[in-house]
Amino acid sequence: MSSKPAVRPRPPSVEAVLARLRTSANGTDHAVLGAVARAVVDEEREKLISGADPRDADALAADARERLAGFADVGIVPVINGTGVIIHTNLGRAAWPSVAAAAVADLTQGALLLELDRETGRRGARARVAEDHLVALTGAEDALVTNNNAAAVALAVALVGRGGIAVSRGELVEIGGGVRIPDIIRRAGAKLIEVGTTNRTRAADFEPPLAEGRAKAVLRVHPSNFAMAGFTEAPDQRDVADLAHRHGAIVIDDLGSGALLDTTAFGLVHEPLPSERLAEGSDVVTFSGDKLVGGPQAGLVVGRGDLIGRMRRDPLARAMRPDKATLIGVAATLGLYRAGRAAAEIPIWQMIATPLGTLRTRGDALAEQLGAGVEVVDVRSTIGGGSLPGETLPSIGLAFASRSATRTLRALRTGTPAIIGRIEDDRVILDLRTVPSTADEVLLTAVRAVLR
């Protein structure tokens, strides 16, 4: 006699899973419940074909609830930054000041006066708090906030229409993400006019295109994400501005990372301030909001009132304007500068300003609690984020002895919370300059778990 073939187990019905889901639906749309129930049943069927053990409707309903909860998860994981890179592009660049984060959380959950005049009840100018702060901080006639600095540069370049823009060959840079200054100029419809050489440019190099009327603007691009050394020369800012103005041209200054505090006060090289560039004759100055300013991603523009007005009226300005959350966060961040509290309350400046002795005390305390295999070492932190290239600050790190630094680094990165460090001399290093002291207890718990 031939034996009957084994009966393949079947998954619970979609309706059985749905019945269990409906008991805890909490307002979830029934069509969504049905789609998720069908998905988990289909996946169960595939697993059974592969020989997996059958599961009941309760187990599948639990899978479905987990999937539904996951849809509302933003999917971005917070980390402890132990890399020593203060403005880390891959880790979200500048951490927001607490007042900016709180203002966004508070004001975005309901209606707000964004473009409504409180006195007349009619539509008014889009909230200008951030722009008023910029005017006060830089001495500019007017200011504009865009969604990022690339947008700000594009709007500024568009001021000349199809005219020519003179740029030193040494400043035809790539500003990140594959975006290059020549491409921005061409996309704006203007004509690129290269002057000088890669390593040496003088004010006189701008004279021919300006005198001949071919150049309607001079674009100066501050090398905020690279440094040139050796046989180099750059023109005097004031001389170039005087020359441009004498021929009826304007000067656009892209500072890139920008700064609203004197970086030399923190032991760093001088980063030009927007107010300084305006005083040296620039008509429009652009810079980022999420680098050395230390707030949300934004493009910040300051300069002549008539030119800023034209940029604001450009049809493309609407495509480049920030949303309410960005405007609120930028306004709160800039408000700290006006209040004289930037160094004390903006995270990137807190990190930069922390004394080495404070870091060493923290490092000794953490190493003592972690025990053998952890050493306190002297390291160097970097600014990062395309800011102050080549500049470093003395710092203190925790070094971990292990058989495999790569494996330890991965264990820290995939743990809870995720900790991102770096490898030096075959050891994992956690640089304490970029780890807030408020995270020390969490750091201890996570590191102990990995070391075990």
Protein backbone atom coordinates (compact mmCIF):
# COMPACT_ATOMS: atom_id res chain seq x y z
CA MET A 1 0.00 0.00 0.00
CA SER A 2 1.21 3.52 -0.82
CA SER A 3 1.31 6.06 2.02
CA LYS A 4 -0.69 9.25 1.72
CA PRO A 5 1.36 12.46 1.20
CA ALA A 6 1.79 14.60 4.33
CA VAL A 7 -0.73 17.39 4.66
CA ARG A 8 1.00 20.75 4.52
CA PRO A 9 -0.04 23.02 7.43
CA ARG A 10 -2.06 26.07 6.51
CA PRO A 11 -1.81 29.52 8.10
CA PRO A 12 -4.72 31.01 10.05
CA SER A 13 -7.28 32.82 7.93
CA VAL A 14 -7.04 36.54 7.30
CA GLU A 15 -10.40 36.96 9.06
CA ALA A 16 -9.07 35.18 12.19
CA VAL A 17 -6.11 37.56 12.35
CA LEU A 18 -8.36 40.56 11.64
CA ALA A 19 -10.72 39.59 14.46
CA ARG A 20 -7.86 39.82 16.94
CA LEU A 21 -6.59 43.06 15.48
CA ARG A 22 -9.99 44.76 15.75
CA THR A 23 -10.01 44.31 19.52
CA SER A 24 -7.15 46.81 19.81
CA ALA A 25 -7.62 48.86 16.64
CA ASN A 26 -7.57 52.23 18.47
CA GLY A 27 -9.00 54.07 15.50
CA THR A 28 -6.80 52.41 12.87
CA ASP A 29 -8.44 52.45 9.45
CA HIS A 30 -10.06 49.05 8.71
CA ALA A 31 -8.64 48.97 5.19
CA VAL A 32 -5.12 49.31 6.66
CA LEU A 33 -5.87 46.54 9.19
CA GLY A 34 -7.00 44.27 6.35
CA ALA A 35 -3.92 44.99 4.25
CA VAL A 36 -1.53 44.26 7.12
CA ALA A 37 -3.43 41.09 8.10
CA ARG A 38 -3.21 39.77 4.54
CA ALA A 39 0.51 40.60 4.41
CA VAL A 40 1.39 38.69 7.58
CA VAL A 41 -0.76 35.70 6.51
CA ASP A 42 0.93 35.62 3.09
CA GLU A 43 4.37 35.73 4.72
CA GLU A 44 3.34 32.93 7.12
CA ARG A 45 2.24 30.81 4.16
CA GLU A 46 5.69 31.24 2.53
CA LYS A 47 7.40 30.26 5.78
CA LEU A 48 5.27 27.11 6.08
CA ILE A 49 6.20 26.09 2.55
CA SER A 50 9.84 26.42 3.61
CA GLY A 51 9.22 24.07 6.53
CA ALA A 52 8.78 26.51 9.41
CA ASP A 53 6.68 25.57 12.43
CA PRO A 54 3.08 26.83 12.20
CA ARG A 55 1.94 29.76 14.34
CA ASP A 56 -1.55 30.64 15.48
CA ALA A 57 -3.68 33.70 14.79
CA ASP A 58 -2.60 35.39 18.04
CA ALA A 59 1.06 35.27 17.03
CA LEU A 60 0.29 36.65 13.58
CA ALA A 61 -1.85 39.42 15.08
CA ALA A 62 1.10 40.35 17.29
CA ASP A 63 3.29 40.59 14.17
CA ALA A 64 0.70 42.79 12.52
CA ARG A 65 0.51 45.15 15.52
CA GLU A 66 4.29 45.46 15.54
CA ARG A 67 4.25 46.30 11.85
CA LEU A 68 1.54 48.92 12.32
CA ALA A 69 3.52 50.53 15.14
CA GLY A 70 6.59 50.56 12.92
CA PHE A 71 4.81 52.65 10.28
CA ALA A 72 4.67 55.57 12.74
CA ASP A 73 8.35 55.19 13.67
CA VAL A 74 10.47 57.84 11.90
CA GLY A 75 13.20 55.24 11.43
CA ILE A 76 16.03 57.57 12.44
CA VAL A 77 18.02 56.36 15.44
CA PRO A 78 19.60 58.75 17.97
CA VAL A 79 23.29 58.11 18.62
CA ILE A 80 26.03 59.16 21.00
CA ASN A 81 28.68 60.87 18.89
CA GLY A 82 32.08 59.74 20.13
CA THR A 83 33.88 60.45 16.84
CA GLY A 84 35.36 63.77 17.92
CA VAL A 85 33.87 65.42 14.82
CA ILE A 86 31.81 68.28 16.24
CA ILE A 87 29.69 68.96 13.12
CA HIS A 88 29.32 65.46 11.66
CA THR A 89 27.45 65.47 8.35
CA ASN A 90 26.50 61.79 8.61
CA LEU A 91 25.20 62.27 12.14
CA GLY A 92 22.88 65.19 11.36
CA ARG A 93 25.37 68.06 11.55
CA ALA A 94 24.68 70.58 14.33
CA ALA A 95 22.67 69.44 17.33
CA TRP A 96 19.97 72.02 18.00
CA PRO A 97 19.94 74.19 21.12
CA SER A 98 17.35 72.96 23.60
CA VAL A 99 15.38 76.21 23.34
CA ALA A 100 15.10 75.75 19.56
CA ALA A 101 13.93 72.14 19.87
CA ALA A 102 11.42 73.09 22.57
CA ALA A 103 10.07 76.01 20.52
CA VAL A 104 9.54 73.79 17.48
CA ALA A 105 7.81 71.09 19.54
CA ASP A 106 5.55 73.68 21.18
CA LEU A 107 4.64 75.86 18.21
CA THR A 108 4.19 73.25 15.48
CA GLN A 109 1.42 71.33 17.24
CA GLY A 110 -1.20 73.98 16.58
CA ALA A 111 -2.01 77.05 14.52
CA LEU A 112 0.39 79.99 14.65
CA LEU A 113 0.73 83.49 13.20
CA LEU A 114 3.04 82.61 10.33
CA GLU A 115 1.74 84.90 7.56
CA LEU A 116 -1.06 86.81 9.25
CA ASP A 117 -0.88 90.40 10.44
CA ARG A 118 -2.08 90.45 14.02
CA GLU A 119 -3.35 94.05 13.85
CA THR A 120 -5.23 93.96 10.54
CA GLY A 121 -6.18 90.29 10.46
CA ARG A 122 -5.00 90.14 6.85
CA ARG A 123 -2.26 88.16 5.20
CA GLY A 124 1.11 89.68 6.02
CA ALA A 125 4.80 89.05 5.55
CA ARG A 126 6.05 85.56 6.38
CA ALA A 127 7.38 85.46 9.96
CA ARG A 128 10.42 87.76 10.06
CA VAL A 129 11.77 87.05 13.54
CA ALA A 130 14.81 85.15 12.23
CA GLU A 131 15.48 87.77 9.55
CA ASP A 132 15.23 90.61 12.07
CA HIS A 133 17.77 88.78 14.26
CA LEU A 134 20.13 88.52 11.26
CA VAL A 135 19.84 92.23 10.54
CA ALA A 136 20.64 93.06 14.17
CA LEU A 137 23.56 90.60 14.34
CA THR A 138 25.25 91.60 11.08
CA GLY A 139 24.31 95.24 10.49
CA ALA A 140 22.76 94.36 7.13
CA GLU A 141 19.91 96.34 5.59
CA ASP A 142 17.80 93.21 5.17
CA ALA A 143 17.97 89.45 5.45
CA LEU A 144 16.36 86.33 4.02
CA VAL A 145 16.14 82.70 5.17
CA THR A 146 16.08 79.87 2.61
CA ASN A 147 16.02 76.09 3.03
CA ASN A 148 19.81 75.72 2.64
CA ASN A 149 22.89 77.67 1.61
CA ALA A 150 22.99 76.20 -1.90
CA ALA A 151 19.52 77.70 -2.45
CA ALA A 152 20.71 81.03 -1.06
CA VAL A 153 23.66 81.09 -3.47
CA ALA A 154 21.42 80.14 -6.40
CA LEU A 155 19.01 83.02 -5.64
CA ALA A 156 21.91 85.45 -5.24
CA VAL A 157 23.52 84.40 -8.52
CA ALA A 158 20.15 84.79 -10.28
CA LEU A 159 20.30 88.54 -9.50
CA VAL A 160 22.45 89.07 -12.59
CA GLY A 161 20.06 87.26 -14.95
CA ARG A 162 21.98 86.17 -18.03
CA GLY A 163 24.93 88.41 -17.23
CA GLY A 164 28.44 87.28 -16.43
CA ILE A 165 29.76 86.39 -12.98
CA ALA A 166 33.49 86.63 -12.34
CA VAL A 167 34.95 83.98 -10.03
CA SER A 168 38.56 83.28 -9.09
CA ARG A 169 39.70 79.92 -10.45
CA GLY A 170 40.83 79.03 -6.94
CA GLU A 171 37.23 79.33 -5.72
CA LEU A 172 35.47 77.14 -8.29
CA VAL A 173 34.81 74.57 -5.61
CA GLU A 174 32.48 71.68 -4.92
CA ILE A 175 30.38 72.55 -1.86
CA GLY A 176 29.21 69.02 -1.01
CA GLY A 177 26.91 66.39 -2.44
CA GLY A 178 28.48 66.80 -5.86
CA VAL A 179 27.19 70.39 -6.16
CA ARG A 180 29.74 72.65 -7.85
CA ILE A 181 29.85 76.44 -8.09
CA PRO A 182 30.11 76.42 -11.93
CA ASP A 183 26.99 74.25 -12.10
CA ILE A 184 25.03 76.61 -9.83
CA ILE A 185 25.99 79.58 -11.99
CA ARG A 186 25.04 77.86 -15.24
CA ARG A 187 21.74 76.54 -13.86
CA ALA A 188 20.85 80.09 -12.84
CA GLY A 189 21.30 81.14 -16.47
CA ALA A 190 24.35 83.30 -15.82
CA LYS A 191 27.71 83.10 -17.58
CA LEU A 192 30.78 81.97 -15.66
CA ILE A 193 33.88 84.13 -16.17
CA GLU A 194 37.02 82.60 -14.67
CA VAL A 195 39.78 84.95 -13.52
CA GLY A 196 43.23 84.47 -12.01
CA THR A 197 44.77 81.06 -11.42
CA THR A 198 44.07 78.17 -9.07
CA ASN A 199 46.63 79.29 -6.50
CA ARG A 200 47.02 83.03 -7.11
CA THR A 201 44.42 85.67 -7.93
CA ARG A 202 44.77 89.46 -7.59
CA ALA A 203 42.22 92.27 -7.66
CA ALA A 204 43.60 93.36 -11.04
CA ASP A 205 42.51 90.03 -12.54
CA PHE A 206 38.88 91.14 -12.17
CA GLU A 207 39.45 94.43 -14.04
CA PRO A 208 39.07 93.27 -17.70
CA PRO A 209 35.68 91.52 -17.47
CA LEU A 210 34.30 94.29 -15.23
CA ALA A 211 35.62 97.16 -17.36
CA GLU A 212 34.32 95.53 -20.54
CA GLY A 213 30.89 95.07 -19.00
CA ARG A 214 30.97 91.30 -19.38
CA ALA A 215 30.80 90.69 -15.63
CA LYS A 216 27.74 92.00 -13.75
CA ALA A 217 28.85 90.46 -10.46
CA VAL A 218 31.82 89.08 -8.60
CA LEU A 219 31.20 85.87 -6.68
CA ARG A 220 33.59 85.16 -3.83
CA VAL A 221 33.49 81.64 -2.39
CA HIS A 222 35.14 81.24 1.00
CA PRO A 223 37.09 77.94 1.16
CA SER A 224 35.26 76.74 4.25
CA ASN A 225 35.70 73.05 3.39
CA PHE A 226 39.32 72.96 2.16
CA ALA A 227 42.61 74.79 2.62
CA MET A 228 45.36 75.80 0.19
CA ALA A 229 48.94 76.32 1.30
CA GLY A 230 52.24 77.18 -0.32
CA PHE A 231 52.63 79.59 -3.24
CA THR A 232 49.20 81.22 -2.91
CA GLU A 233 47.73 84.70 -3.04
CA ALA A 234 44.19 86.03 -2.62
CA PRO A 235 42.98 89.52 -3.50
CA ASP A 236 42.11 92.10 -0.87
CA GLN A 237 38.35 91.96 -0.26
CA ARG A 238 37.90 95.73 -0.19
CA ASP A 239 39.93 96.26 -3.38
CA VAL A 240 37.76 93.80 -5.31
CA ALA A 241 34.55 95.34 -3.97
CA ASP A 242 35.67 98.88 -4.87
CA LEU A 243 36.60 97.73 -8.36
CA ALA A 244 33.26 95.98 -8.88
CA HIS A 245 31.23 98.92 -7.62
CA ARG A 246 33.19 101.34 -9.79
CA HIS A 247 31.98 99.38 -12.82
CA GLY A 248 28.39 99.02 -11.58
CA ALA A 249 28.71 95.36 -10.59
CA ILE A 250 27.68 93.71 -7.32
CA VAL A 251 29.66 91.46 -4.98
CA ILE A 252 28.17 88.18 -3.77
CA ASP A 253 29.99 86.49 -0.91
CA ASP A 254 29.36 82.81 -0.12
CA LEU A 255 30.84 82.15 3.31
CA GLY A 256 29.71 78.51 3.36
CA SER A 257 29.74 77.45 6.99
CA GLY A 258 29.58 81.01 8.30
CA ALA A 259 30.15 82.13 11.90
CA LEU A 260 28.51 84.60 14.23
CA LEU A 261 31.13 84.31 17.01
CA ASP A 262 34.84 85.15 16.84
CA THR A 263 36.48 81.74 16.41
CA THR A 264 39.88 83.03 17.58
CA ALA A 265 38.42 83.37 21.08
CA PHE A 266 38.23 79.55 21.15
CA GLY A 267 41.79 78.91 19.95
CA LEU A 268 40.81 78.46 16.30
CA VAL A 269 41.85 80.37 13.17
CA HIS A 270 39.72 83.35 12.27
CA GLU A 271 36.56 82.52 10.34
CA PRO A 272 35.23 85.61 8.52
CA LEU A 273 32.03 87.01 9.99
CA PRO A 274 29.15 88.12 7.74
CA SER A 275 29.35 91.57 9.33
CA GLU A 276 33.03 91.81 8.36
CA ARG A 277 32.33 90.91 4.73
CA LEU A 278 29.53 93.47 4.55
CA ALA A 279 31.90 96.09 5.96
CA GLU A 280 34.44 95.12 3.27
CA GLY A 281 31.97 95.92 0.51
CA SER A 282 30.02 92.73 -0.13
CA ASP A 283 26.47 93.42 -1.31
CA VAL A 284 25.04 89.97 -0.51
CA VAL A 285 26.50 87.46 1.94
CA THR A 286 25.21 83.88 2.27
CA PHE A 287 26.02 81.19 4.84
CA SER A 288 24.60 78.03 6.44
CA GLY A 289 22.42 77.76 9.51
CA ASP A 290 23.44 74.22 10.54
CA LYS A 291 27.22 74.51 10.64
CA LEU A 292 29.05 77.10 12.72
CA VAL A 293 25.79 78.90 13.46
CA GLY A 294 24.72 75.68 15.20
CA GLY A 295 21.02 75.52 14.36
CA PRO A 296 18.66 73.93 11.81
CA GLN A 297 19.61 73.46 8.17
CA ALA A 298 18.96 76.76 6.43
CA GLY A 299 20.49 79.28 4.06
CA LEU A 300 21.01 82.66 5.71
CA VAL A 301 21.30 85.74 3.46
CA VAL A 302 22.20 89.28 4.55
CA GLY A 303 22.96 92.39 2.55
CA ARG A 304 21.57 95.35 0.64
CA GLY A 305 17.85 95.86 1.04
CA ASP A 306 17.09 96.26 -2.67
CA LEU A 307 18.95 93.06 -3.61
CA ILE A 308 17.43 91.00 -0.79
CA GLY A 309 14.02 92.31 -1.89
CA ARG A 310 14.63 91.09 -5.44
CA MET A 311 15.72 87.68 -4.14
CA ARG A 312 12.56 87.48 -2.01
CA ARG A 313 10.39 88.24 -5.09
CA ASP A 314 12.17 85.69 -7.32
CA PRO A 315 9.62 83.01 -8.35
CA LEU A 316 12.13 80.33 -7.30
CA ALA A 317 12.26 81.77 -3.77
CA ARG A 318 8.98 80.02 -2.98
CA ALA A 319 10.51 76.65 -3.91
CA MET A 320 13.47 77.43 -1.66
CA ARG A 321 11.70 78.85 1.38
CA PRO A 322 11.89 77.01 4.71
CA ASP A 323 8.88 75.55 6.49
CA LYS A 324 7.54 76.79 9.82
CA ALA A 325 9.62 74.37 11.89
CA THR A 326 12.86 75.61 10.32
CA LEU A 327 11.86 79.27 10.75
CA ILE A 328 11.07 78.68 14.42
CA GLY A 329 14.31 76.77 15.05
CA VAL A 330 16.45 79.36 13.25
CA ALA A 331 14.77 82.23 15.09
CA ALA A 332 15.33 80.56 18.47
CA THR A 333 18.98 79.81 17.66
CA LEU A 334 19.72 83.35 16.44
CA GLY A 335 17.94 84.72 19.48
CA LEU A 336 20.60 83.08 21.67
CA TYR A 337 23.28 85.08 19.83
CA ARG A 338 21.41 88.34 20.38
CA ALA A 339 20.94 87.45 24.04
CA GLY A 340 24.68 86.75 24.46
CA ARG A 341 24.06 83.10 25.37
CA ALA A 342 25.34 81.33 22.22
CA ALA A 343 28.58 79.93 23.67
CA ALA A 344 26.77 78.66 26.76
CA GLU A 345 23.66 77.15 25.14
CA ILE A 346 24.38 76.17 21.52
CA PRO A 347 25.73 72.59 21.51
CA ILE A 348 28.52 73.03 18.95
CA TRP A 349 29.92 76.02 20.86
CA GLN A 350 29.55 74.16 24.15
CA MET A 351 31.69 71.37 22.66
CA ILE A 352 34.26 73.78 21.24
CA ALA A 353 34.49 75.78 24.49
CA THR A 354 34.76 72.86 26.94
CA PRO A 355 38.15 73.10 28.73
CA LEU A 356 40.55 70.19 28.33
CA GLY A 357 40.74 69.80 32.11
CA THR A 358 36.99 69.23 32.31
CA LEU A 359 37.22 66.50 29.69
CA ARG A 360 40.13 64.85 31.49
CA THR A 361 38.22 64.76 34.78
CA ARG A 362 35.27 63.11 33.03
CA GLY A 363 37.55 60.66 31.25
CA ASP A 364 39.29 59.60 34.49
CA ALA A 365 35.93 59.06 36.22
CA LEU A 366 34.49 57.02 33.34
CA ALA A 367 37.64 54.89 32.95
CA GLU A 368 37.68 54.11 36.67
CA GLN A 369 34.08 52.90 36.53
CA LEU A 370 34.68 50.83 33.39
CA GLY A 371 37.75 49.13 34.85
CA ALA A 372 40.58 47.23 33.19
CA GLY A 373 40.99 47.45 29.44
CA VAL A 374 39.95 51.12 29.23
CA GLU A 375 42.59 53.86 29.06
CA VAL A 376 42.32 57.66 29.07
CA VAL A 377 44.26 59.09 26.10
CA ASP A 378 45.04 62.49 24.57
CA VAL A 379 43.40 62.94 21.15
CA ARG A 380 42.46 65.73 18.74
CA SER A 381 38.89 66.71 17.83
CA THR A 382 37.93 68.31 14.51
CA ILE A 383 35.23 70.83 13.69
CA GLY A 384 33.90 68.97 10.63
CA GLY A 385 30.86 69.72 8.49
CA GLY A 386 32.91 71.62 5.93
CA SER A 387 33.99 74.16 8.55
CA LEU A 388 37.47 75.36 9.55
CA PRO A 389 39.36 72.73 7.52
CA GLY A 390 42.49 71.40 9.18
CA GLU A 391 41.64 72.95 12.54
CA THR A 392 41.71 70.65 15.56
CA LEU A 393 41.21 70.98 19.29
CA PRO A 394 42.98 69.01 22.03
CA SER A 395 40.64 66.49 23.59
CA ILE A 396 40.39 63.42 25.81
CA GLY A 397 39.31 59.98 24.63
CA LEU A 398 38.53 56.59 26.10
CA ALA A 399 40.59 53.87 24.39
CA PHE A 400 39.44 50.23 24.45
CA ALA A 401 41.78 47.30 24.17
CA SER A 402 40.19 44.46 22.22
CA ARG A 403 41.07 41.63 19.88
CA SER A 404 39.23 43.32 17.03
CA ALA A 405 38.73 47.09 17.02
CA THR A 406 36.43 46.79 14.01
CA ARG A 407 34.22 44.27 15.80
CA THR A 408 34.10 46.39 18.97
CA LEU A 409 33.24 49.49 16.96
CA ARG A 410 30.42 47.60 15.26
CA ALA A 411 29.10 46.30 18.59
CA LEU A 412 28.96 49.86 19.93
CA ARG A 413 27.29 51.10 16.75
CA THR A 414 24.61 48.41 16.78
CA GLY A 415 23.93 48.54 20.51
CA THR A 416 21.30 50.48 22.41
CA PRO A 417 21.91 53.33 22.41
CA ALA A 418 24.08 53.41 19.29
CA ILE A 419 27.56 54.78 19.97
CA ILE A 420 29.72 55.98 17.08
CA GLY A 421 33.47 56.11 17.64
CA ARG A 422 36.66 55.89 15.62
CA ILE A 423 39.72 53.67 15.37
CA GLU A 424 43.26 54.89 16.07
CA ASP A 425 46.30 52.64 16.40
CA ASP A 426 44.06 49.55 16.28
CA ARG A 427 42.06 50.73 19.29
CA VAL A 428 38.52 52.05 19.51
CA ILE A 429 38.47 55.67 20.67
CA LEU A 430 35.47 57.53 22.08
CA ASP A 431 36.28 61.25 22.00
CA LEU A 432 34.57 62.94 24.97
CA ARG A 433 34.50 66.41 23.41
CA THR A 434 31.54 65.37 21.28
CA VAL A 435 29.79 63.37 24.01
CA PRO A 436 27.62 65.59 26.21
CA SER A 437 28.25 65.06 29.91
CA THR A 438 24.53 64.37 30.36
CA ALA A 439 25.07 61.14 28.38
CA ASP A 440 27.79 59.74 30.66
CA GLU A 441 25.57 57.31 32.57
CA VAL A 442 23.98 55.98 29.39
CA LEU A 443 27.44 55.70 27.83
CA LEU A 444 28.69 53.68 30.80
CA THR A 445 25.80 51.22 30.59
CA ALA A 446 26.17 50.71 26.84
CA VAL A 447 29.96 50.30 26.94
CA ARG A 448 29.81 47.85 29.83
CA ALA A 449 27.40 45.70 27.81
CA VAL A 450 29.82 45.61 24.88
CA LEU A 451 32.89 44.93 27.01
CA ARG A 452 31.17 42.02 28.66
